[in-house]
């Protein structure tokens, strides 16, 4: 099927996956002119996903991110590719986007890949194309929240990002992954990066445990420092404003972490974890993403509240990851974001417009200023 050239044309690569399918849903429901190509390595899954819409606006294709040359034909004549594949394929998809001459957006590169991707700024700029790296929730929304908070301060000493949630369906002793098994394993086993003393510093995996009170309904949650893409870009943006410290911590049940490490020591692979059965009950959870930006004696705290969506059969983390990606991609295609080159979300995504769009999707953002004497 040929997509209408006059309409915005979105390729969701990995569109049959957990996050990709929600991006497709948001693109479909947010603008009746959007044309969506569900592209996936699993063509049958892509076809089944596209068929559920019973609409000429949603079609499918087979796509393999391992081979940029083959991917070009899938991307050609589209407006933008939203890359939901594993981060080790990000450079491949960017290469294909350049050759197909379309815009690009992804969900993050777990610090290392993001740093490599930034080197493609010049080729994208020369081609007149826009690429945004890490435009989900964290990274993505958290980056824009940090920029919005920093704009209220004359100087920026520290940026701390904290994400925690509660699953109302969770059962004691259950061993299930809140999101991609590969990402969880890498977050808990790879040395995290932080920005400390004005430079990038690596720390030991599974360190920096901290219990944070997110308020109702999440309450107090144990968080741990993990490798994340925010730390790859925020220091570049705010070093000139005095940034001396930045880190990222996410909530993990400590029993889950111990069991994960026990199984890994017993020889479990990522593939073994990926084959574990997923929970079948309807999603019923809540997530809060918090950004704390300190400058001098003033601190700005911003929270984003997300809840599961039963209609979309999506958990809170699916919603707050997919919706920012969909919104930003539509901003690029509409020309609201027009800077050519490779950018981090904090560089080009307009905070006010993003927050307004998220509110229409049921995500609530709050912020307040408080006196602070917390040392760096």
Protein backbone atom coordinates (compact mmCIF):
# COMPACT_ATOMS: atom_id res chain seq x y z
CA UNK A 1 0.00 0.00 0.00
CA UNK A 2 1.30 3.45 -0.89
CA UNK A 3 1.07 6.14 1.79
CA UNK A 4 -0.32 9.52 0.81
CA UNK A 5 2.61 11.83 0.12
CA UNK A 6 0.77 14.98 1.24
CA UNK A 7 0.29 13.62 4.76
CA UNK A 8 2.86 13.37 7.59
CA UNK A 9 4.50 9.95 7.23
CA UNK A 10 5.91 8.24 10.30
CA UNK A 11 7.93 5.04 10.39
CA UNK A 12 7.85 3.41 13.83
CA UNK A 13 10.79 1.01 13.73
CA UNK A 14 10.15 -1.73 16.26
CA UNK A 15 6.53 -0.68 16.01
CA UNK A 16 5.19 -4.05 17.18
CA UNK A 17 7.15 -3.86 20.44
CA UNK A 18 6.10 -2.71 23.90
CA UNK A 19 6.85 0.99 23.36
CA UNK A 20 6.53 1.07 19.58
CA UNK A 21 2.90 -0.07 19.63
CA UNK A 22 1.98 2.77 22.02
CA UNK A 23 3.77 5.32 19.83
CA UNK A 24 1.75 4.02 16.89
CA UNK A 25 -1.44 4.38 18.93
CA UNK A 26 -0.63 7.94 19.95
CA UNK A 27 0.30 8.97 16.42
CA UNK A 28 -2.94 7.49 15.14
CA UNK A 29 -5.21 9.09 17.71
CA UNK A 30 -3.56 12.52 17.94
CA UNK A 31 -3.90 13.56 14.29
CA UNK A 32 -6.30 12.13 11.71
CA UNK A 33 -3.87 13.02 8.92
CA UNK A 34 -0.94 11.01 10.27
CA UNK A 35 0.14 8.06 8.14
CA UNK A 36 1.99 5.36 10.10
CA UNK A 37 4.20 2.54 8.90
CA UNK A 38 4.61 -0.19 11.53
CA UNK A 39 8.05 -1.61 10.70
CA UNK A 40 9.43 -4.54 12.63
CA UNK A 41 11.86 -7.45 12.39
CA UNK A 42 8.86 -9.64 13.21
CA UNK A 43 6.76 -8.98 10.11
CA UNK A 44 3.85 -11.10 11.31
CA UNK A 45 3.64 -9.09 14.54
CA UNK A 46 3.83 -5.84 12.54
CA UNK A 47 1.05 -7.03 10.23
CA UNK A 48 -1.17 -8.09 13.12
CA UNK A 49 -0.60 -4.77 14.87
CA UNK A 50 -1.43 -2.74 11.77
CA UNK A 51 -4.57 -4.79 11.07
CA UNK A 52 -6.10 -3.90 14.44
CA UNK A 53 -6.61 -0.32 13.22
CA UNK A 54 -8.63 -1.33 10.14
CA UNK A 55 -7.43 1.89 8.56
CA UNK A 56 -5.59 2.82 5.38
CA UNK A 57 -3.53 5.18 7.55
CA UNK A 58 -1.70 2.30 9.25
CA UNK A 59 0.32 -0.17 7.20
CA UNK A 60 3.19 -2.53 7.94
CA UNK A 61 6.57 -3.63 6.63
CA UNK A 62 9.40 -5.98 7.47
CA UNK A 63 12.53 -4.14 8.64
CA UNK A 64 15.90 -5.24 9.98
CA UNK A 65 17.94 -2.61 11.83
CA UNK A 66 21.08 -4.73 11.53
CA UNK A 67 21.47 -3.80 7.85
CA UNK A 68 21.31 -0.05 7.07
CA UNK A 69 21.43 -0.62 3.29
CA UNK A 70 18.29 -2.77 3.43
CA UNK A 71 16.58 -0.36 5.79
CA UNK A 72 16.90 2.57 3.38
CA UNK A 73 14.20 1.23 1.07
CA UNK A 74 11.78 1.01 4.02
CA UNK A 75 12.49 4.59 5.10
CA UNK A 76 12.58 6.25 1.70
CA UNK A 77 9.72 8.72 0.97
CA UNK A 78 8.76 8.88 4.67
CA UNK A 79 8.94 11.98 6.90
CA UNK A 80 10.65 10.64 10.01
CA UNK A 81 11.72 7.37 11.62
CA UNK A 82 11.03 6.82 15.31
CA UNK A 83 13.59 4.23 16.34
CA UNK A 84 12.35 1.87 19.07
CA UNK A 85 14.96 -0.84 18.48
CA UNK A 86 17.80 -1.76 20.81
CA UNK A 87 20.29 1.05 21.30
CA UNK A 88 23.16 -0.87 19.68
CA UNK A 89 21.34 -0.37 16.36
CA UNK A 90 20.96 3.41 16.74
CA UNK A 91 23.91 4.26 14.51
CA UNK A 92 22.66 1.86 11.84
CA UNK A 93 19.24 3.48 11.79
CA UNK A 94 20.77 6.97 11.72
CA UNK A 95 22.88 5.96 8.72
CA UNK A 96 19.79 4.67 6.94
CA UNK A 97 17.86 7.85 7.80
CA UNK A 98 20.63 9.98 6.32
CA UNK A 99 20.69 7.93 3.12
CA UNK A 100 16.88 8.04 2.88
CA UNK A 101 16.97 11.78 3.72
CA UNK A 102 14.40 11.68 6.53
CA UNK A 103 14.37 12.96 10.11
CA UNK A 104 15.27 10.72 13.06
CA UNK A 105 14.28 10.23 16.72
CA UNK A 106 15.11 7.50 19.22
CA UNK A 107 14.49 6.53 22.84
CA UNK A 108 18.07 6.70 24.10
CA UNK A 109 21.53 5.21 23.80
CA UNK A 110 22.38 4.33 27.41
CA UNK A 111 25.11 7.02 27.55
CA UNK A 112 27.74 5.29 25.38
CA UNK A 113 25.75 5.09 22.16
CA UNK A 114 24.39 8.59 22.68
CA UNK A 115 27.93 9.98 22.85
CA UNK A 116 28.78 8.25 19.57
CA UNK A 117 25.59 9.44 17.90
CA UNK A 118 26.33 13.09 18.72
CA UNK A 119 29.27 12.87 16.29
CA UNK A 120 26.79 12.73 13.41
CA UNK A 121 25.68 16.31 14.00
CA UNK A 122 27.46 17.68 10.94
CA UNK A 123 26.13 15.15 8.39
CA UNK A 124 22.55 15.70 9.59
CA UNK A 125 23.00 19.48 9.60
CA UNK A 126 24.42 19.46 6.08
CA UNK A 127 21.50 17.32 4.91
CA UNK A 128 19.01 19.72 6.49
CA UNK A 129 17.68 16.92 8.73
CA UNK A 130 16.82 16.87 12.42
CA UNK A 131 17.76 14.04 14.80
CA UNK A 132 16.74 13.98 18.47
CA UNK A 133 18.46 11.46 20.72
CA UNK A 134 16.68 9.96 23.70
CA UNK A 135 13.15 11.39 23.51
CA UNK A 136 11.17 9.05 25.71
CA UNK A 137 10.54 9.65 29.39
CA UNK A 138 13.98 9.14 30.86
CA UNK A 139 15.87 10.17 28.84
CA UNK A 140 13.68 12.67 27.03
CA UNK A 141 10.99 14.24 29.15
CA UNK A 142 13.41 14.42 32.08
CA UNK A 143 15.90 16.36 29.93
CA UNK A 144 13.24 18.90 28.96
CA UNK A 145 12.10 19.18 32.59
CA UNK A 146 15.70 19.88 33.63
CA UNK A 147 15.99 22.60 30.98
CA UNK A 148 12.70 24.17 32.08
CA UNK A 149 13.80 24.21 35.71
CA UNK A 150 17.28 25.53 34.86
CA UNK A 151 15.72 28.40 32.91
CA UNK A 152 14.32 29.72 36.20
CA UNK A 153 17.76 29.86 37.84
CA UNK A 154 20.66 32.20 37.27
CA UNK A 155 23.13 29.37 37.82
CA UNK A 156 22.90 25.58 37.89
CA UNK A 157 24.99 23.70 40.42
CA UNK A 158 23.42 20.23 40.26
CA UNK A 159 20.81 18.18 38.42
CA UNK A 160 19.44 15.04 40.05
CA UNK A 161 16.96 12.81 38.22
CA UNK A 162 14.86 10.31 40.16
CA UNK A 163 12.26 7.90 38.77
CA UNK A 164 10.07 5.69 40.93
CA UNK A 165 6.79 3.87 40.63
CA UNK A 166 4.35 1.42 42.16
CA UNK A 167 2.68 -1.60 40.55
CA UNK A 168 -0.65 -2.25 42.22
CA UNK A 169 -0.76 -5.73 40.66
CA UNK A 170 2.64 -6.79 42.02
CA UNK A 171 2.76 -9.94 44.08
CA UNK A 172 5.36 -10.63 46.73
CA UNK A 173 8.09 -12.87 45.38
CA UNK A 174 7.21 -12.35 41.70
CA UNK A 175 10.11 -11.92 39.28
CA UNK A 176 9.03 -9.80 36.32
CA UNK A 177 10.76 -7.08 34.33
CA UNK A 178 9.27 -3.56 34.39
CA UNK A 179 10.61 -2.92 30.87
CA UNK A 180 13.13 -4.35 28.38
CA UNK A 181 15.12 -7.18 29.99
CA UNK A 182 18.23 -6.13 28.09
CA UNK A 183 17.98 -2.54 29.31
CA UNK A 184 17.35 -3.62 32.92
CA UNK A 185 20.32 -6.02 32.89
CA UNK A 186 22.61 -3.38 31.38
CA UNK A 187 21.44 -0.72 33.83
CA UNK A 188 22.24 -3.00 36.76
CA UNK A 189 25.54 -4.44 35.50
CA UNK A 190 27.29 -1.68 33.51
CA UNK A 191 29.22 1.00 35.43
CA UNK A 192 27.04 4.14 35.67
CA UNK A 193 28.32 7.55 34.63
CA UNK A 194 27.76 10.72 36.61
CA UNK A 195 28.98 14.30 36.23
CA UNK A 196 31.04 15.22 39.27
CA UNK A 197 33.44 18.08 39.84
CA UNK A 198 32.90 19.24 36.29
CA UNK A 199 33.84 15.95 34.59
CA UNK A 200 32.40 12.56 33.68
CA UNK A 201 33.09 9.93 36.34
CA UNK A 202 32.29 6.20 36.34
CA UNK A 203 31.01 4.49 39.47
CA UNK A 204 30.43 0.89 40.49
CA UNK A 205 27.23 -0.86 39.32
CA UNK A 206 24.37 -1.18 41.84
CA UNK A 207 25.69 1.59 44.10
CA UNK A 208 24.29 4.87 45.36
CA UNK A 209 21.14 3.33 46.84
CA UNK A 210 18.81 6.01 48.13
CA UNK A 211 15.26 5.88 49.51
CA UNK A 212 13.09 8.68 48.12
CA UNK A 213 9.59 9.70 49.14
CA UNK A 214 7.62 10.53 45.98
CA UNK A 215 4.40 11.20 47.86
CA UNK A 216 1.08 9.57 47.07
CA UNK A 217 0.44 7.15 45.55
CA UNK A 218 4.02 5.94 44.99
CA UNK A 219 5.36 6.57 48.49
CA UNK A 220 8.92 5.71 49.52
CA UNK A 221 10.96 3.83 46.93
CA UNK A 222 14.51 2.48 46.86
CA UNK A 223 16.48 3.94 43.95
CA UNK A 224 19.88 3.00 42.55
CA UNK A 225 22.28 4.85 40.25
CA UNK A 226 22.33 3.46 36.71
CA UNK A 227 23.91 4.29 33.38
CA UNK A 228 21.62 6.69 31.49
CA UNK A 229 21.69 9.05 28.52
CA UNK A 230 20.67 12.22 30.38
CA UNK A 231 24.13 12.34 31.89
CA UNK A 232 25.70 12.20 28.42
CA UNK A 233 24.09 15.47 27.31
CA UNK A 234 22.90 17.65 30.21
CA UNK A 235 26.46 18.56 31.30
CA UNK A 236 27.23 19.72 27.77
CA UNK A 237 24.27 22.09 27.88
CA UNK A 238 24.67 23.42 31.43
CA UNK A 239 28.41 23.36 32.09
CA UNK A 240 28.53 27.05 31.16
CA UNK A 241 25.93 27.78 33.88
CA UNK A 242 28.21 26.22 36.50
CA UNK A 243 26.98 22.61 36.57
CA UNK A 244 29.18 20.61 38.91
CA UNK A 245 27.11 17.51 39.57
CA UNK A 246 24.48 15.38 37.77
CA UNK A 247 23.26 11.83 38.25
CA UNK A 248 20.35 9.51 37.49
CA UNK A 249 18.67 7.00 39.80
CA UNK A 250 15.73 4.68 39.14
CA UNK A 251 13.59 2.56 41.42
CA UNK A 252 14.22 -1.17 41.69
CA UNK A 253 12.93 -3.61 44.27
CA UNK A 254 16.04 -4.78 46.09
CA UNK A 255 14.76 -8.36 46.22
CA UNK A 256 14.40 -8.28 42.41
CA UNK A 257 17.98 -7.03 42.02
CA UNK A 258 19.35 -9.78 44.28
CA UNK A 259 17.41 -12.45 42.35
CA UNK A 260 18.59 -11.05 39.00
CA UNK A 261 22.22 -11.15 40.05
CA UNK A 262 21.79 -14.64 41.50
CA UNK A 263 20.46 -15.92 38.18
CA UNK A 264 23.19 -14.16 36.21
CA UNK A 265 25.87 -15.76 38.36
CA UNK A 266 24.15 -19.09 37.66
CA UNK A 267 24.63 -18.50 33.92
CA UNK A 268 21.38 -16.88 32.81
CA UNK A 269 21.65 -14.82 29.61
CA UNK A 270 19.60 -11.83 28.49
CA UNK A 271 17.78 -14.16 26.10
CA UNK A 272 16.81 -16.37 29.07
CA UNK A 273 15.33 -13.35 30.86
CA UNK A 274 13.51 -12.23 27.70
CA UNK A 275 11.80 -15.62 27.47
CA UNK A 276 10.21 -15.31 30.92
CA UNK A 277 6.40 -15.00 30.69
CA UNK A 278 5.09 -11.45 30.88
CA UNK A 279 2.31 -10.56 33.34
CA UNK A 280 -1.12 -11.12 31.79
CA UNK A 281 -3.23 -8.92 34.05
CA UNK A 282 -4.34 -5.49 32.90
CA UNK A 283 -1.66 -2.88 33.70
CA UNK A 284 -2.37 -1.00 36.92
CA UNK A 285 0.57 1.11 37.99
CA UNK A 286 1.76 4.67 38.58
CA UNK A 287 5.12 6.33 37.89
CA UNK A 288 6.65 9.63 38.95
CA UNK A 289 9.66 11.14 37.20
CA UNK A 290 11.36 13.81 39.30
CA UNK A 291 14.02 16.35 38.34
CA UNK A 292 15.75 18.36 41.07
CA UNK A 293 17.77 21.32 39.84
CA UNK A 294 19.77 23.32 42.38
CA UNK A 295 21.35 26.70 41.84
CA UNK A 296 22.87 28.54 44.78
CA UNK A 297 20.31 28.60 47.61
CA UNK A 298 17.36 27.83 45.35
CA UNK A 299 16.06 24.46 44.21
CA UNK A 300 13.43 23.71 41.59
CA UNK A 301 11.66 20.35 41.86
CA UNK A 302 9.62 19.14 38.88
CA UNK A 303 7.50 15.98 38.85
CA UNK A 304 5.70 14.19 36.03
CA UNK A 305 2.90 11.85 37.11
CA UNK A 306 1.89 9.02 34.78
CA UNK A 307 -0.65 6.24 35.22
CA UNK A 308 -1.43 3.11 33.24
CA UNK A 309 -3.95 3.21 30.40
CA UNK A 310 -6.34 0.27 30.39
CA UNK A 311 -7.75 1.17 26.95
CA UNK A 312 -4.29 0.95 25.37
CA UNK A 313 -3.25 -1.94 27.66
CA UNK A 314 -0.19 0.11 28.55
CA UNK A 315 1.60 0.55 31.84
CA UNK A 316 2.62 3.97 33.16
CA UNK A 317 6.18 3.56 31.87
CA UNK A 318 4.86 2.77 28.38
CA UNK A 319 2.73 5.91 28.38
CA UNK A 320 5.33 8.38 29.64
CA UNK A 321 7.94 6.94 27.26
CA UNK A 322 5.83 6.68 24.11
CA UNK A 323 3.88 9.94 24.29
CA UNK A 324 6.91 12.30 24.44
CA UNK A 325 8.45 10.47 21.47
CA UNK A 326 5.25 10.75 19.44
CA UNK A 327 4.78 14.43 20.33
CA UNK A 328 8.37 15.43 19.51
CA UNK A 329 8.30 13.52 16.21
CA UNK A 330 5.14 15.37 15.24
CA UNK A 331 6.80 18.67 16.19
CA UNK A 332 9.67 17.89 13.81
CA UNK A 333 7.39 16.98 10.93
CA UNK A 334 5.20 20.06 11.54
CA UNK A 335 8.26 22.34 11.55
CA UNK A 336 7.80 23.38 15.17
CA UNK A 337 11.28 21.96 15.72
CA UNK A 338 13.34 23.01 12.72
CA UNK A 339 16.98 22.98 13.84
CA UNK A 340 19.05 20.74 11.59
CA UNK A 341 21.65 18.45 13.12
CA UNK A 342 21.80 15.97 16.00
CA UNK A 343 20.39 17.26 19.27
CA UNK A 344 19.52 16.26 22.80
CA UNK A 345 15.91 16.94 23.90
CA UNK A 346 16.97 19.81 26.19
CA UNK A 347 18.43 21.63 23.18
CA UNK A 348 15.42 21.81 20.86
CA UNK A 349 12.15 20.55 22.37
CA UNK A 350 9.92 23.45 23.55
CA UNK A 351 9.00 22.66 27.16
CA UNK A 352 5.71 24.56 27.33
CA UNK A 353 4.31 22.92 24.22
CA UNK A 354 5.49 19.45 25.24
CA UNK A 355 3.96 19.80 28.72
CA UNK A 356 0.67 21.04 27.23
CA UNK A 357 0.47 18.07 24.89
CA UNK A 358 1.30 15.62 27.70
CA UNK A 359 -1.47 17.11 29.86
CA UNK A 360 -3.94 16.33 27.09
CA UNK A 361 -2.83 12.71 27.36
CA UNK A 362 -3.36 12.57 31.12
CA UNK A 363 0.21 13.16 32.28
CA UNK A 364 0.44 15.74 35.05
CA UNK A 365 3.46 18.01 35.56
CA UNK A 366 4.09 20.00 38.72
CA UNK A 367 6.95 22.15 39.91
CA UNK A 368 7.84 24.21 42.94
CA UNK A 369 10.79 26.19 44.24
CA UNK A 370 12.27 25.55 47.68
CA UNK A 371 15.16 26.94 49.68
CA UNK A 372 18.08 24.56 49.67
CA UNK A 373 21.32 24.16 51.52
CA UNK A 374 22.08 20.65 50.24
CA UNK A 375 25.81 20.27 49.57
CA UNK A 376 27.07 19.05 46.20
